[in-house]
Amino acid sequence: MKKTIASLLAGTAILASGQAALADGHVEEITVAYFLEWPLPLYDAWANGEFEEAMGIDLNWVSFETGTAMSAAMASGDVQIAVSQGLPPFVVAASAGQDIEVIDVAVTYADNDNCVVRSDLEIDAENASELAGRRVAVPLGTAAHYGFLRQMDHFGVDLAGLEIVDMAPPEGAAALSQGAVDFACGYGGGLSRMLEYGNVLLTGEEKTELGILVFDVIAAPAEFVAENPDLVAQFLAVGQAANDRWNSNPNDEMLANIASAAGMELDAARGAIGTMGFPSAEEVLGPIWMDGGMAEFMGGVANVFVEAGSIDAALDDYTDRVNAGPLTEAAAN
């Protein structure tokens, strides 16, 4: 696992790029990374052209399959803002020295990220020890990877005895359906397809009770944020306004835009977004998230990866990896 993550992060610590020098007043277009099959309210704002109107620039939206790929794209200068990057891939990149920052919380989703065991094995929480020696598909360095590590630790399953295969969720779902793996971990549409062929070991509520929090962040290269604070604040303001609209009045008109942008059928988007939470700016700026809690949680995530041998070392402190400035400005306007 460590070799795979290292290869994903190769060259991402500090990279010079012509795009890295973007500054307020000189930006004509930015690239935003996002996930397909991951319905978020801010996609409604995207569909309505609200970001371009507020920011006065063009936005190029590019889909990715994993948060680790988002990290690499930010490091190369190809992406300026990553929407809904899982916290674990962010932590992996930051721990490796990549200068990126969390600027908002995109979504919480304890029930939309999990591991699924093939039905014919008849393994559940009561006999999870029977997973020993099995083959599992895991998107390494992602939120699903972190959840997998925590669940295996909870059930006392030795990682050394497992055959762990690095697969994005759609690939993991296909492998599970074909019997090529015994269980698979993922999120979004990939998880939905996995559930057609198996069962989870823990529900979202049970994971939360164990302290296995699952949330995605909005992340950006620190240099881009420092040079374009107003632009970043405008992006966050539009996204938070969309969250507020959805939280106060979820409706089919919004859902149609969200589903279209996410590349989903309407009913599938309705089912997925029903398992998600979208905290307000005030909540994100509070103690659970940006005012202390998130940096502490990052340290815990990093330590899990270190103990599992997935990364070499954790940072002493992740406080500097959380930048509340743009969101604070967005909330004040």
Protein backbone atom coordinates (compact mmCIF):
# COMPACT_ATOMS: atom_id res chain seq x y z
CA MET A 1 0.00 0.00 0.00
CA LYS A 2 2.79 2.41 0.87
CA LYS A 3 4.41 1.93 -2.54
CA THR A 4 1.12 2.54 -4.33
CA ILE A 5 0.37 5.73 -2.41
CA ALA A 6 3.94 6.91 -2.91
CA SER A 7 3.60 6.45 -6.66
CA LEU A 8 0.35 8.40 -6.66
CA LEU A 9 2.03 11.24 -4.83
CA ALA A 10 5.34 11.17 -6.69
CA GLY A 11 6.43 14.66 -7.47
CA THR A 12 3.50 16.29 -5.69
CA ALA A 13 5.31 17.78 -2.71
CA ILE A 14 6.41 21.04 -4.33
CA LEU A 15 5.98 21.56 -8.06
CA ALA A 16 6.45 24.76 -10.01
CA SER A 17 3.82 25.54 -12.60
CA GLY A 18 2.93 28.38 -14.90
CA GLN A 19 -0.56 28.26 -13.43
CA ALA A 20 0.71 28.55 -9.85
CA ALA A 21 1.34 32.26 -10.22
CA LEU A 22 -2.34 33.11 -10.72
CA ALA A 23 -3.26 36.18 -8.73
CA ASP A 24 -6.35 38.37 -8.23
CA GLY A 25 -7.01 40.46 -11.29
CA HIS A 26 -5.05 38.15 -13.60
CA VAL A 27 -7.20 35.03 -13.48
CA GLU A 28 -9.37 34.39 -16.51
CA GLU A 29 -10.21 30.73 -15.84
CA ILE A 30 -9.71 28.16 -13.10
CA THR A 31 -10.14 24.41 -13.14
CA VAL A 32 -12.34 22.81 -10.48
CA ALA A 33 -12.07 19.09 -9.70
CA TYR A 34 -15.24 17.20 -8.81
CA PHE A 35 -16.72 13.69 -8.68
CA LEU A 36 -19.34 12.21 -10.96
CA GLU A 37 -22.13 10.24 -9.25
CA TRP A 38 -21.68 12.48 -6.20
CA PRO A 39 -24.68 14.86 -6.04
CA LEU A 40 -23.96 18.13 -4.23
CA PRO A 41 -26.15 21.25 -3.99
CA LEU A 42 -23.39 23.44 -5.40
CA TYR A 43 -23.87 21.63 -8.72
CA ASP A 44 -27.14 23.56 -8.98
CA ALA A 45 -25.18 26.80 -8.75
CA TRP A 46 -22.79 25.43 -11.38
CA ALA A 47 -25.70 24.62 -13.72
CA ASN A 48 -27.16 28.12 -13.24
CA GLY A 49 -23.87 29.89 -13.98
CA GLU A 50 -23.77 31.41 -10.49
CA PHE A 51 -20.04 30.86 -9.99
CA GLU A 52 -19.10 32.68 -13.19
CA GLU A 53 -21.46 35.54 -12.36
CA ALA A 54 -20.07 36.00 -8.85
CA MET A 55 -16.40 35.47 -9.70
CA GLY A 56 -16.27 37.12 -13.11
CA ILE A 57 -14.18 34.29 -14.62
CA ASP A 58 -14.71 30.99 -16.42
CA LEU A 59 -14.70 27.72 -14.50
CA ASN A 60 -13.55 24.50 -16.13
CA TRP A 61 -15.03 21.53 -14.25
CA VAL A 62 -13.08 18.28 -14.59
CA SER A 63 -14.21 14.97 -13.07
CA PHE A 64 -11.89 12.66 -11.12
CA GLU A 65 -12.32 9.16 -9.72
CA THR A 66 -10.27 9.53 -6.53
CA GLY A 67 -9.10 12.20 -4.12
CA THR A 68 -5.50 11.11 -4.60
CA ALA A 69 -5.76 12.04 -8.28
CA MET A 70 -7.13 15.42 -7.21
CA SER A 71 -4.07 15.94 -5.01
CA ALA A 72 -1.74 15.21 -7.90
CA ALA A 73 -3.63 17.60 -10.18
CA MET A 74 -3.45 20.39 -7.61
CA ALA A 75 0.27 19.78 -7.18
CA SER A 76 0.89 20.01 -10.92
CA GLY A 77 -1.08 23.26 -11.18
CA ASP A 78 -3.77 21.69 -13.35
CA VAL A 79 -6.46 22.17 -10.67
CA GLN A 80 -6.99 25.24 -8.50
CA ILE A 81 -9.93 24.05 -6.37
CA ALA A 82 -10.94 20.48 -5.51
CA VAL A 83 -14.58 20.00 -4.55
CA SER A 84 -15.44 17.17 -2.19
CA GLN A 85 -11.98 15.70 -1.77
CA GLY A 86 -12.03 13.05 0.93
CA LEU A 87 -10.18 14.08 4.07
CA PRO A 88 -7.89 10.99 4.09
CA PRO A 89 -6.40 11.66 0.62
CA PHE A 90 -5.93 15.28 1.67
CA VAL A 91 -4.12 14.13 4.81
CA VAL A 92 -1.95 11.70 2.83
CA ALA A 93 -0.85 14.49 0.46
CA ALA A 94 -0.30 17.02 3.24
CA SER A 95 1.71 14.48 5.22
CA ALA A 96 3.94 13.96 2.19
CA GLY A 97 4.70 17.69 2.12
CA GLN A 98 2.19 18.97 -0.43
CA ASP A 99 1.25 22.58 0.40
CA ILE A 100 -2.55 22.36 0.24
CA GLU A 101 -5.27 23.71 2.51
CA VAL A 102 -8.81 22.82 3.55
CA ILE A 103 -11.01 25.84 2.86
CA ASP A 104 -14.47 24.37 3.57
CA VAL A 105 -16.39 21.18 4.36
CA ALA A 106 -18.23 19.95 1.27
CA VAL A 107 -20.38 17.14 2.67
CA THR A 108 -20.76 14.59 5.45
CA TYR A 109 -21.80 11.06 4.46
CA ALA A 110 -21.41 8.28 6.99
CA ASP A 111 -23.89 6.10 5.05
CA ASN A 112 -22.41 6.83 1.63
CA ASP A 113 -18.92 5.39 2.21
CA ASN A 114 -18.51 1.81 3.32
CA CYS A 115 -17.18 -1.69 2.76
CA VAL A 116 -19.40 -4.41 1.28
CA VAL A 117 -18.89 -8.16 1.71
CA ARG A 118 -20.05 -10.54 -1.03
CA SER A 119 -23.44 -12.02 -0.11
CA ASP A 120 -22.55 -15.67 -0.69
CA LEU A 121 -19.86 -15.50 2.00
CA GLU A 122 -22.52 -14.83 4.67
CA ILE A 123 -20.14 -12.66 6.71
CA ASP A 124 -21.45 -9.84 8.89
CA ALA A 125 -20.41 -8.04 12.07
CA GLU A 126 -20.91 -11.19 14.13
CA ASN A 127 -18.39 -13.29 12.20
CA ALA A 128 -16.22 -10.58 10.61
CA SER A 129 -13.10 -12.48 11.71
CA GLU A 130 -13.76 -14.77 8.73
CA LEU A 131 -12.51 -11.98 6.49
CA ALA A 132 -8.97 -13.07 7.41
CA GLY A 133 -7.02 -14.04 4.32
CA ARG A 134 -9.61 -12.59 1.95
CA ARG A 135 -9.12 -10.40 -1.14
CA VAL A 136 -10.42 -6.82 -0.90
CA ALA A 137 -10.69 -3.92 -3.35
CA VAL A 138 -9.86 -0.56 -1.76
CA PRO A 139 -9.21 2.86 -3.37
CA LEU A 140 -5.96 3.54 -1.53
CA GLY A 141 -5.41 6.90 0.15
CA THR A 142 -9.11 7.80 0.14
CA ALA A 143 -11.84 8.17 2.77
CA ALA A 144 -12.89 4.60 1.93
CA HIS A 145 -9.33 3.42 2.67
CA TYR A 146 -9.38 5.12 6.07
CA GLY A 147 -12.78 3.62 6.89
CA PHE A 148 -11.53 0.19 5.81
CA LEU A 149 -8.50 0.44 8.11
CA ARG A 150 -10.65 1.52 11.06
CA GLN A 151 -13.19 -1.24 10.49
CA MET A 152 -10.55 -3.94 10.18
CA ASP A 153 -8.97 -2.68 13.41
CA HIS A 154 -12.37 -2.73 15.11
CA PHE A 155 -13.02 -6.32 14.06
CA GLY A 156 -9.47 -7.47 14.77
CA VAL A 157 -8.73 -8.51 11.18
CA ASP A 158 -4.98 -8.58 10.48
CA LEU A 159 -4.14 -6.40 7.47
CA ALA A 160 -1.05 -8.48 6.76
CA GLY A 161 -3.23 -11.48 6.01
CA LEU A 162 -5.43 -9.66 3.49
CA GLU A 163 -4.77 -9.32 -0.23
CA ILE A 164 -5.47 -5.62 -0.76
CA VAL A 165 -6.00 -4.50 -4.36
CA ASP A 166 -6.04 -0.79 -5.24
CA MET A 167 -9.28 -0.15 -7.19
CA ALA A 168 -11.46 2.91 -7.72
CA PRO A 169 -15.05 2.30 -6.49
CA PRO A 170 -16.55 1.53 -9.93
CA GLU A 171 -13.80 -1.04 -10.57
CA GLY A 172 -14.23 -2.48 -7.09
CA ALA A 173 -17.98 -2.87 -7.67
CA ALA A 174 -17.32 -4.72 -10.94
CA ALA A 175 -14.78 -7.01 -9.26
CA LEU A 176 -17.24 -7.75 -6.45
CA SER A 177 -20.01 -8.58 -8.93
CA GLN A 178 -17.70 -11.01 -10.75
CA GLY A 179 -16.48 -12.67 -7.58
CA ALA A 180 -12.93 -11.45 -8.24
CA VAL A 181 -12.78 -9.99 -4.70
CA ASP A 182 -14.42 -11.07 -1.46
CA PHE A 183 -15.25 -7.56 -0.32
CA ALA A 184 -14.83 -4.04 -1.61
CA CYS A 185 -14.84 -0.54 -0.19
CA GLY A 186 -16.02 2.64 -1.89
CA TYR A 187 -18.47 5.51 -2.08
CA GLY A 188 -21.07 7.12 -4.31
CA GLY A 189 -22.30 5.20 -7.34
CA GLY A 190 -19.64 2.56 -6.88
CA LEU A 191 -20.93 1.78 -3.38
CA SER A 192 -24.51 1.67 -4.64
CA ARG A 193 -23.55 -1.02 -7.15
CA MET A 194 -21.54 -2.92 -4.53
CA LEU A 195 -24.65 -3.15 -2.37
CA GLU A 196 -26.40 -5.08 -5.15
CA TYR A 197 -24.01 -7.95 -4.46
CA GLY A 198 -23.36 -7.84 -0.73
CA ASN A 199 -23.84 -6.37 2.72
CA VAL A 200 -22.07 -3.86 4.97
CA LEU A 201 -20.47 -4.78 8.28
CA LEU A 202 -21.38 -1.52 10.05
CA THR A 203 -24.08 1.06 9.37
CA GLY A 204 -23.25 4.75 9.09
CA GLU A 205 -24.63 5.35 12.58
CA GLU A 206 -22.53 2.51 14.01
CA LYS A 207 -19.40 3.89 12.32
CA THR A 208 -20.07 7.36 13.71
CA GLU A 209 -20.47 5.93 17.22
CA LEU A 210 -17.00 4.37 16.81
CA GLY A 211 -15.55 7.72 15.78
CA ILE A 212 -15.22 6.78 12.11
CA LEU A 213 -16.27 10.17 10.75
CA VAL A 214 -16.75 10.50 7.02
CA PHE A 215 -16.66 13.88 5.34
CA ASP A 216 -15.20 15.58 2.29
CA VAL A 217 -13.51 18.94 2.11
CA ILE A 218 -13.04 21.68 -0.42
CA ALA A 219 -9.29 21.99 -0.87
CA ALA A 220 -6.90 24.21 -2.79
CA PRO A 221 -3.17 24.82 -3.17
CA ALA A 222 -2.02 27.19 -0.40
CA GLU A 223 -0.27 29.45 -2.91
CA PHE A 224 -3.42 29.87 -4.99
CA VAL A 225 -5.48 30.73 -1.90
CA ALA A 226 -2.88 33.23 -0.67
CA GLU A 227 -2.73 34.99 -4.03
CA ASN A 228 -6.50 34.89 -4.71
CA PRO A 229 -8.30 35.19 -1.36
CA ASP A 230 -11.27 37.17 -2.69
CA LEU A 231 -11.78 34.81 -5.61
CA VAL A 232 -11.73 31.79 -3.29
CA ALA A 233 -14.15 33.49 -0.88
CA GLN A 234 -16.54 34.19 -3.76
CA PHE A 235 -16.45 30.53 -4.79
CA LEU A 236 -17.23 29.42 -1.25
CA ALA A 237 -20.02 31.97 -0.86
CA VAL A 238 -21.80 30.64 -3.95
CA GLY A 239 -21.38 27.04 -2.79
CA GLN A 240 -22.65 27.78 0.70
CA ALA A 241 -25.66 29.66 -0.69
CA ALA A 242 -26.54 26.56 -2.70
CA ASN A 243 -26.22 24.42 0.46
CA ASP A 244 -28.53 26.80 2.31
CA ARG A 245 -31.12 26.60 -0.50
CA TRP A 246 -31.06 22.83 -0.43
CA ASN A 247 -31.14 22.56 3.36
CA SER A 248 -34.13 24.90 3.62
CA ASN A 249 -36.09 23.77 0.56
CA PRO A 250 -34.88 20.67 -1.32
CA ASN A 251 -36.85 20.49 -4.54
CA ASP A 252 -36.98 18.66 -7.85
CA GLU A 253 -35.85 21.68 -9.87
CA MET A 254 -32.60 21.83 -7.95
CA LEU A 255 -32.28 18.05 -7.96
CA ALA A 256 -32.59 17.93 -11.75
CA ASN A 257 -29.63 20.29 -12.12
CA ILE A 258 -27.64 18.40 -9.50
CA ALA A 259 -28.33 15.01 -11.08
CA SER A 260 -27.44 16.24 -14.56
CA ALA A 261 -24.10 17.69 -13.42
CA ALA A 262 -23.33 14.54 -11.44
CA GLY A 263 -24.14 12.31 -14.42
CA MET A 264 -26.93 10.49 -12.56
CA GLU A 265 -30.53 9.50 -13.05
CA LEU A 266 -32.92 11.60 -10.96
CA ASP A 267 -34.00 8.78 -8.62
CA ALA A 268 -30.40 7.69 -8.04
CA ALA A 269 -29.40 11.25 -7.19
CA ARG A 270 -32.37 11.59 -4.85
CA GLY A 271 -31.38 8.42 -3.01
CA ALA A 272 -27.71 9.40 -2.71
CA ILE A 273 -28.21 12.99 -1.62
CA GLY A 274 -30.67 11.76 1.02
CA THR A 275 -27.75 10.13 2.84
CA MET A 276 -25.66 13.32 2.82
CA GLY A 277 -25.40 16.36 5.08
CA PHE A 278 -24.31 19.86 4.11
CA PRO A 279 -23.14 21.93 7.10
CA SER A 280 -23.57 25.69 7.03
CA ALA A 281 -20.65 28.11 7.02
CA GLU A 282 -21.31 28.89 10.67
CA GLU A 283 -21.15 25.19 11.56
CA VAL A 284 -17.97 24.64 9.54
CA LEU A 285 -16.28 27.60 11.23
CA GLY A 286 -17.16 26.18 14.66
CA PRO A 287 -15.18 23.91 17.01
CA ILE A 288 -16.17 20.58 15.42
CA TRP A 289 -14.57 21.56 12.15
CA MET A 290 -12.30 24.51 11.44
CA ASP A 291 -11.91 25.89 14.93
CA GLY A 292 -9.74 23.05 16.20
CA GLY A 293 -11.63 19.80 15.64
CA MET A 294 -10.65 19.20 12.02
CA ALA A 295 -6.90 19.63 12.57
CA GLU A 296 -7.04 17.22 15.50
CA PHE A 297 -9.01 14.70 13.44
CA MET A 298 -6.44 14.99 10.63
CA GLY A 299 -3.75 13.96 13.08
CA GLY A 300 -5.79 10.91 14.04
CA VAL A 301 -6.31 9.93 10.40
CA ALA A 302 -2.60 10.32 9.69
CA ASN A 303 -1.67 8.17 12.68
CA VAL A 304 -3.97 5.39 11.44
CA PHE A 305 -2.19 5.43 8.08
CA VAL A 306 1.23 5.45 9.78
CA GLU A 307 0.32 2.48 11.97
CA ALA A 308 -0.96 0.62 8.91
CA GLY A 309 2.32 1.30 7.09
CA SER A 310 0.58 3.32 4.37
CA ILE A 311 2.59 6.51 4.94
CA ASP A 312 5.96 7.07 6.56
CA ALA A 313 5.06 9.76 9.09
CA ALA A 314 2.43 12.24 10.20
CA LEU A 315 2.93 15.97 10.59
CA ASP A 316 3.38 17.22 14.14
CA ASP A 317 0.39 19.52 13.70
CA TYR A 318 -2.18 19.98 10.91
CA THR A 319 -3.49 23.37 12.08
CA ASP A 320 -1.72 25.16 9.23
CA ARG A 321 -3.46 22.89 6.74
CA VAL A 322 -6.83 24.43 7.69
CA ASN A 323 -7.48 27.95 6.37
CA ALA A 324 -10.71 29.48 7.67
CA GLY A 325 -9.98 32.91 6.17
CA PRO A 326 -11.86 32.60 2.84
CA LEU A 327 -14.93 30.99 4.41
CA THR A 328 -14.97 33.62 7.16
CA GLU A 329 -14.97 36.31 4.47
CA ALA A 330 -17.67 34.48 2.52
CA ALA A 331 -19.90 34.20 5.59
CA ALA A 332 -19.50 37.90 6.40
CA ASN A 333 -20.71 39.07 2.97
